Amino acid sequence: MTQYRLKRAYEPASDDDGFRVYIDRLWPRGLSHETFHYDLWDKDIAPSSELREWFHADPENRWPEFERRYTRELTDNPSFDALRRLLAQKPVVTLVYSSHDELHNNAVVVHDLLIK
């Protein structure tokens, strides 16, 4: 069974991370391509631009609705099914995200869907 972890892009990569999947649509601000390590960057499972912009306008109050909408986007997305199958073959997967908020971000939603 795959063990899933969450980690900010700004934290250094470690051997314990296993397979690292960057799941944001935008490159993490301030990080170079030489220093930021990921095994897969899957922009197709990131929240739509419209949803991301809507959420970032008021993340504290919009979190429950963001979770609902983003879950719907993911469950309707064939790329998410393909990613789920790929990750199920890995012993350890770290979902990497760039948000400063460690509790309210798209990686949390992806994580929750993957462990179901």
N, C-alpha and C. Protein backbone atom coordinates (compact mmCIF):
# COMPACT_ATOMS: atom_id res chain seq x y z
N MET A 1 0.85 -1.19 0.00
CA MET A 1 0.00 0.00 0.00
C MET A 1 0.89 1.25 0.00
N THR A 2 0.53 2.20 -0.82
CA THR A 2 1.30 3.43 -0.95
C THR A 2 1.12 4.32 0.28
N GLN A 3 2.23 4.88 0.72
CA GLN A 3 2.20 5.86 1.80
C GLN A 3 2.28 7.24 1.16
N TYR A 4 1.31 8.09 1.43
CA TYR A 4 1.25 9.43 0.85
C TYR A 4 1.66 10.47 1.88
N ARG A 5 2.46 11.42 1.42
CA ARG A 5 2.93 12.51 2.27
C ARG A 5 2.68 13.83 1.55
N LEU A 6 2.71 14.90 2.33
CA LEU A 6 2.56 16.25 1.80
C LEU A 6 3.80 17.05 2.18
N LYS A 7 4.24 17.91 1.26
CA LYS A 7 5.44 18.71 1.55
C LYS A 7 5.42 19.97 0.71
N ARG A 8 5.81 21.07 1.33
CA ARG A 8 5.93 22.34 0.60
C ARG A 8 7.12 22.29 -0.34
N ALA A 9 6.99 22.92 -1.46
CA ALA A 9 8.05 22.96 -2.46
C ALA A 9 9.30 23.64 -1.92
N TYR A 10 9.14 24.48 -0.93
CA TYR A 10 10.25 25.25 -0.40
C TYR A 10 11.05 24.49 0.66
N GLU A 11 10.56 23.31 1.04
CA GLU A 11 11.30 22.45 1.95
C GLU A 11 12.24 21.60 1.11
N PRO A 12 13.46 21.32 1.61
CA PRO A 12 14.39 20.53 0.81
C PRO A 12 13.88 19.10 0.58
N ALA A 13 14.17 18.60 -0.60
CA ALA A 13 13.83 17.20 -0.91
C ALA A 13 14.70 16.29 -0.05
N SER A 14 14.16 15.11 0.27
CA SER A 14 14.94 14.14 1.02
C SER A 14 14.71 12.75 0.43
N ASP A 15 15.58 11.84 0.77
CA ASP A 15 15.45 10.46 0.28
C ASP A 15 14.16 9.82 0.77
N ASP A 16 13.65 10.26 1.91
CA ASP A 16 12.41 9.71 2.47
C ASP A 16 11.17 10.12 1.68
N ASP A 17 11.31 11.08 0.78
CA ASP A 17 10.15 11.57 0.02
C ASP A 17 9.63 10.54 -0.98
N GLY A 18 10.44 9.61 -1.39
CA GLY A 18 10.01 8.66 -2.40
C GLY A 18 9.78 9.37 -3.73
N PHE A 19 8.67 9.07 -4.37
CA PHE A 19 8.31 9.65 -5.67
C PHE A 19 7.64 10.99 -5.42
N ARG A 20 8.23 12.06 -5.94
CA ARG A 20 7.74 13.42 -5.69
C ARG A 20 6.90 13.91 -6.86
N VAL A 21 5.66 14.30 -6.55
CA VAL A 21 4.74 14.80 -7.57
C VAL A 21 4.40 16.25 -7.24
N TYR A 22 4.80 17.16 -8.13
CA TYR A 22 4.43 18.57 -7.96
C TYR A 22 3.06 18.74 -8.59
N ILE A 23 2.09 19.24 -7.81
CA ILE A 23 0.71 19.22 -8.28
C ILE A 23 0.09 20.60 -8.46
N ASP A 24 0.90 21.63 -8.53
CA ASP A 24 0.38 22.96 -8.82
C ASP A 24 0.52 23.26 -10.31
N ARG A 25 -0.31 24.17 -10.78
CA ARG A 25 -0.25 24.56 -12.18
C ARG A 25 0.90 25.53 -12.45
N LEU A 26 1.21 26.36 -11.46
CA LEU A 26 2.24 27.39 -11.63
C LEU A 26 3.54 26.95 -10.96
N TRP A 27 4.65 27.35 -11.55
CA TRP A 27 5.97 27.06 -10.99
C TRP A 27 6.09 27.75 -9.63
N PRO A 28 6.73 27.11 -8.64
CA PRO A 28 6.87 27.74 -7.32
C PRO A 28 7.76 28.99 -7.39
N ARG A 29 7.21 30.08 -6.98
CA ARG A 29 7.89 31.38 -7.05
C ARG A 29 9.22 31.34 -6.30
N GLY A 30 10.27 31.81 -6.96
CA GLY A 30 11.57 31.93 -6.33
C GLY A 30 12.44 30.69 -6.38
N LEU A 31 11.93 29.58 -6.90
CA LEU A 31 12.74 28.35 -6.98
C LEU A 31 13.24 28.17 -8.41
N SER A 32 14.48 27.74 -8.53
CA SER A 32 15.05 27.52 -9.85
C SER A 32 14.78 26.08 -10.29
N HIS A 33 14.84 25.88 -11.58
CA HIS A 33 14.66 24.54 -12.14
C HIS A 33 15.80 23.61 -11.73
N GLU A 34 16.92 24.16 -11.39
CA GLU A 34 18.08 23.35 -10.97
C GLU A 34 17.97 22.86 -9.53
N THR A 35 17.29 23.62 -8.68
CA THR A 35 17.26 23.26 -7.27
C THR A 35 15.97 22.57 -6.82
N PHE A 36 14.90 22.76 -7.57
CA PHE A 36 13.62 22.16 -7.17
C PHE A 36 13.52 20.76 -7.77
N HIS A 37 13.42 19.76 -6.89
CA HIS A 37 13.37 18.38 -7.36
C HIS A 37 11.95 17.83 -7.34
N TYR A 38 11.55 17.24 -8.46
CA TYR A 38 10.28 16.51 -8.55
C TYR A 38 10.47 15.41 -9.59
N ASP A 39 9.70 14.35 -9.44
CA ASP A 39 9.74 13.26 -10.40
C ASP A 39 8.67 13.41 -11.47
N LEU A 40 7.59 14.10 -11.12
CA LEU A 40 6.50 14.32 -12.06
C LEU A 40 5.84 15.65 -11.72
N TRP A 41 5.59 16.44 -12.75
CA TRP A 41 4.83 17.67 -12.58
C TRP A 41 3.54 17.47 -13.37
N ASP A 42 2.45 17.30 -12.68
CA ASP A 42 1.19 16.99 -13.32
C ASP A 42 0.26 18.20 -13.24
N LYS A 43 0.40 19.10 -14.20
CA LYS A 43 -0.43 20.31 -14.23
C LYS A 43 -1.90 19.98 -14.48
N ASP A 44 -2.15 18.83 -15.11
CA ASP A 44 -3.53 18.47 -15.47
C ASP A 44 -4.41 18.19 -14.26
N ILE A 45 -3.80 17.90 -13.12
CA ILE A 45 -4.64 17.66 -11.94
C ILE A 45 -4.71 18.87 -11.01
N ALA A 46 -4.03 19.93 -11.36
CA ALA A 46 -4.11 21.15 -10.56
C ALA A 46 -5.51 21.75 -10.70
N PRO A 47 -5.94 22.54 -9.73
CA PRO A 47 -7.25 23.19 -9.88
C PRO A 47 -7.27 24.06 -11.13
N SER A 48 -8.43 24.18 -11.72
CA SER A 48 -8.58 25.07 -12.88
C SER A 48 -8.17 26.48 -12.46
N SER A 49 -7.75 27.26 -13.43
CA SER A 49 -7.35 28.65 -13.14
C SER A 49 -8.49 29.42 -12.49
N GLU A 50 -9.70 29.20 -12.96
CA GLU A 50 -10.86 29.90 -12.41
C GLU A 50 -11.06 29.53 -10.94
N LEU A 51 -10.98 28.24 -10.64
CA LEU A 51 -11.18 27.80 -9.25
C LEU A 51 -10.05 28.31 -8.35
N ARG A 52 -8.83 28.22 -8.83
CA ARG A 52 -7.68 28.68 -8.04
C ARG A 52 -7.80 30.17 -7.72
N GLU A 53 -8.14 30.98 -8.71
CA GLU A 53 -8.25 32.43 -8.50
C GLU A 53 -9.41 32.75 -7.55
N TRP A 54 -10.53 32.05 -7.72
CA TRP A 54 -11.68 32.25 -6.83
C TRP A 54 -11.29 31.93 -5.39
N PHE A 55 -10.63 30.81 -5.18
CA PHE A 55 -10.24 30.38 -3.84
C PHE A 55 -9.26 31.35 -3.19
N HIS A 56 -8.27 31.80 -3.93
CA HIS A 56 -7.23 32.66 -3.36
C HIS A 56 -7.75 34.05 -2.98
N ALA A 57 -8.92 34.41 -3.45
CA ALA A 57 -9.49 35.70 -3.06
C ALA A 57 -9.94 35.70 -1.60
N ASP A 58 -10.26 34.53 -1.04
CA ASP A 58 -10.72 34.44 0.36
C ASP A 58 -10.58 32.99 0.85
N PRO A 59 -9.35 32.50 0.98
CA PRO A 59 -9.15 31.08 1.29
C PRO A 59 -9.76 30.62 2.61
N GLU A 60 -9.74 31.44 3.60
CA GLU A 60 -10.26 31.01 4.90
C GLU A 60 -11.76 30.67 4.83
N ASN A 61 -12.50 31.53 4.18
CA ASN A 61 -13.95 31.33 4.12
C ASN A 61 -14.41 30.43 2.98
N ARG A 62 -13.57 30.27 1.98
CA ARG A 62 -13.97 29.49 0.81
C ARG A 62 -13.45 28.05 0.81
N TRP A 63 -12.73 27.66 1.84
CA TRP A 63 -12.13 26.32 1.87
C TRP A 63 -13.14 25.19 1.68
N PRO A 64 -14.24 25.13 2.42
CA PRO A 64 -15.17 24.00 2.23
C PRO A 64 -15.70 23.91 0.79
N GLU A 65 -16.04 25.06 0.23
CA GLU A 65 -16.56 25.06 -1.15
C GLU A 65 -15.44 24.72 -2.14
N PHE A 66 -14.22 25.19 -1.87
CA PHE A 66 -13.09 24.82 -2.73
C PHE A 66 -12.88 23.32 -2.73
N GLU A 67 -12.92 22.69 -1.55
CA GLU A 67 -12.77 21.24 -1.45
C GLU A 67 -13.82 20.52 -2.30
N ARG A 68 -15.04 20.97 -2.21
CA ARG A 68 -16.13 20.34 -2.95
C ARG A 68 -15.93 20.50 -4.46
N ARG A 69 -15.64 21.72 -4.89
CA ARG A 69 -15.47 21.98 -6.33
C ARG A 69 -14.24 21.28 -6.90
N TYR A 70 -13.15 21.32 -6.16
CA TYR A 70 -11.92 20.70 -6.65
C TYR A 70 -12.05 19.17 -6.68
N THR A 71 -12.72 18.61 -5.70
CA THR A 71 -12.98 17.16 -5.71
C THR A 71 -13.77 16.79 -6.96
N ARG A 72 -14.75 17.59 -7.30
CA ARG A 72 -15.54 17.34 -8.51
C ARG A 72 -14.66 17.43 -9.75
N GLU A 73 -13.79 18.45 -9.82
CA GLU A 73 -12.88 18.56 -10.96
C GLU A 73 -12.01 17.31 -11.08
N LEU A 74 -11.50 16.85 -9.96
CA LEU A 74 -10.61 15.67 -9.99
C LEU A 74 -11.36 14.41 -10.39
N THR A 75 -12.53 14.20 -9.83
CA THR A 75 -13.25 12.95 -10.12
C THR A 75 -13.74 12.92 -11.56
N ASP A 76 -13.88 14.07 -12.19
CA ASP A 76 -14.28 14.14 -13.60
C ASP A 76 -13.08 14.15 -14.55
N ASN A 77 -11.87 14.07 -14.00
CA ASN A 77 -10.64 14.24 -14.79
C ASN A 77 -9.96 12.89 -15.04
N PRO A 78 -9.89 12.43 -16.30
CA PRO A 78 -9.22 11.16 -16.59
C PRO A 78 -7.74 11.17 -16.22
N SER A 79 -7.11 12.34 -16.21
CA SER A 79 -5.70 12.43 -15.80
C SER A 79 -5.53 12.03 -14.35
N PHE A 80 -6.52 12.33 -13.52
CA PHE A 80 -6.43 11.96 -12.11
C PHE A 80 -6.50 10.45 -11.95
N ASP A 81 -7.35 9.80 -12.71
CA ASP A 81 -7.42 8.33 -12.66
C ASP A 81 -6.09 7.71 -13.08
N ALA A 82 -5.49 8.25 -14.12
CA ALA A 82 -4.19 7.73 -14.58
C ALA A 82 -3.13 7.96 -13.52
N LEU A 83 -3.14 9.12 -12.90
CA LEU A 83 -2.17 9.41 -11.84
C LEU A 83 -2.37 8.47 -10.66
N ARG A 84 -3.60 8.24 -10.27
CA ARG A 84 -3.90 7.34 -9.16
C ARG A 84 -3.33 5.94 -9.42
N ARG A 85 -3.50 5.44 -10.63
CA ARG A 85 -2.97 4.12 -10.97
C ARG A 85 -1.44 4.10 -10.92
N LEU A 86 -0.81 5.15 -11.43
CA LEU A 86 0.65 5.24 -11.40
C LEU A 86 1.17 5.27 -9.97
N LEU A 87 0.57 6.11 -9.14
CA LEU A 87 1.05 6.28 -7.77
C LEU A 87 0.81 5.04 -6.91
N ALA A 88 -0.20 4.27 -7.24
CA ALA A 88 -0.49 3.05 -6.48
C ALA A 88 0.64 2.04 -6.60
N GLN A 89 1.51 2.20 -7.58
CA GLN A 89 2.64 1.30 -7.79
C GLN A 89 3.88 1.74 -7.00
N LYS A 90 3.82 2.88 -6.36
CA LYS A 90 4.97 3.43 -5.63
C LYS A 90 4.80 3.19 -4.14
N PRO A 91 5.89 2.84 -3.43
CA PRO A 91 5.77 2.63 -1.98
C PRO A 91 5.54 3.93 -1.21
N VAL A 92 6.22 5.01 -1.62
CA VAL A 92 6.08 6.31 -0.94
C VAL A 92 5.93 7.39 -2.01
N VAL A 93 4.92 8.24 -1.81
CA VAL A 93 4.67 9.35 -2.71
C VAL A 93 4.54 10.62 -1.89
N THR A 94 5.26 11.65 -2.29
CA THR A 94 5.14 12.95 -1.64
C THR A 94 4.49 13.91 -2.62
N LEU A 95 3.35 14.45 -2.22
CA LEU A 95 2.66 15.46 -3.00
C LEU A 95 3.25 16.81 -2.62
N VAL A 96 3.82 17.48 -3.59
CA VAL A 96 4.55 18.73 -3.34
C VAL A 96 3.69 19.89 -3.85
N TYR A 97 3.58 20.91 -3.01
CA TYR A 97 2.76 22.08 -3.32
C TYR A 97 3.50 23.33 -2.91
N SER A 98 3.09 24.48 -3.45
CA SER A 98 3.80 25.72 -3.14
C SER A 98 3.05 26.65 -2.18
N SER A 99 1.83 26.35 -1.85
CA SER A 99 1.04 27.21 -0.97
C SER A 99 1.73 27.40 0.39
N HIS A 100 1.54 28.58 0.96
CA HIS A 100 2.05 28.84 2.31
C HIS A 100 1.15 28.21 3.37
N ASP A 101 -0.11 28.03 3.04
CA ASP A 101 -1.08 27.46 3.97
C ASP A 101 -0.99 25.94 3.88
N GLU A 102 -0.51 25.32 4.93
CA GLU A 102 -0.28 23.88 4.92
C GLU A 102 -1.55 23.07 5.13
N LEU A 103 -2.62 23.70 5.57
CA LEU A 103 -3.87 22.98 5.84
C LEU A 103 -4.93 23.17 4.76
N HIS A 104 -4.83 24.26 4.02
CA HIS A 104 -5.85 24.60 3.03
C HIS A 104 -5.20 24.81 1.68
N ASN A 105 -4.99 23.72 0.96
CA ASN A 105 -4.39 23.81 -0.37
C ASN A 105 -4.81 22.59 -1.19
N ASN A 106 -4.54 22.65 -2.48
CA ASN A 106 -4.99 21.57 -3.36
C ASN A 106 -4.35 20.23 -3.04
N ALA A 107 -3.14 20.20 -2.49
CA ALA A 107 -2.49 18.94 -2.15
C ALA A 107 -3.28 18.19 -1.08
N VAL A 108 -3.89 18.91 -0.16
CA VAL A 108 -4.69 18.28 0.89
C VAL A 108 -5.88 17.55 0.26
N VAL A 109 -6.51 18.17 -0.72
CA VAL A 109 -7.65 17.55 -1.38
C VAL A 109 -7.21 16.31 -2.16
N VAL A 110 -6.11 16.43 -2.90
CA VAL A 110 -5.59 15.29 -3.66
C VAL A 110 -5.24 14.15 -2.72
N HIS A 111 -4.55 14.48 -1.64
CA HIS A 111 -4.17 13.48 -0.63
C HIS A 111 -5.39 12.73 -0.12
N ASP A 112 -6.42 13.48 0.27
CA ASP A 112 -7.62 12.87 0.83
C ASP A 112 -8.28 11.93 -0.18
N LEU A 113 -8.29 12.30 -1.45
CA LEU A 113 -8.87 11.42 -2.47
C LEU A 113 -8.02 10.17 -2.70
N LEU A 114 -6.70 10.33 -2.64
CA LEU A 114 -5.83 9.19 -2.89
C LEU A 114 -5.89 8.13 -1.77
N ILE A 115 -6.14 8.57 -0.55
CA ILE A 115 -6.14 7.60 0.55
C ILE A 115 -7.50 6.94 0.75
N LYS A 116 -8.51 7.37 0.01
CA LYS A 116 -9.85 6.76 0.13
C LYS A 116 -9.85 5.39 -0.50
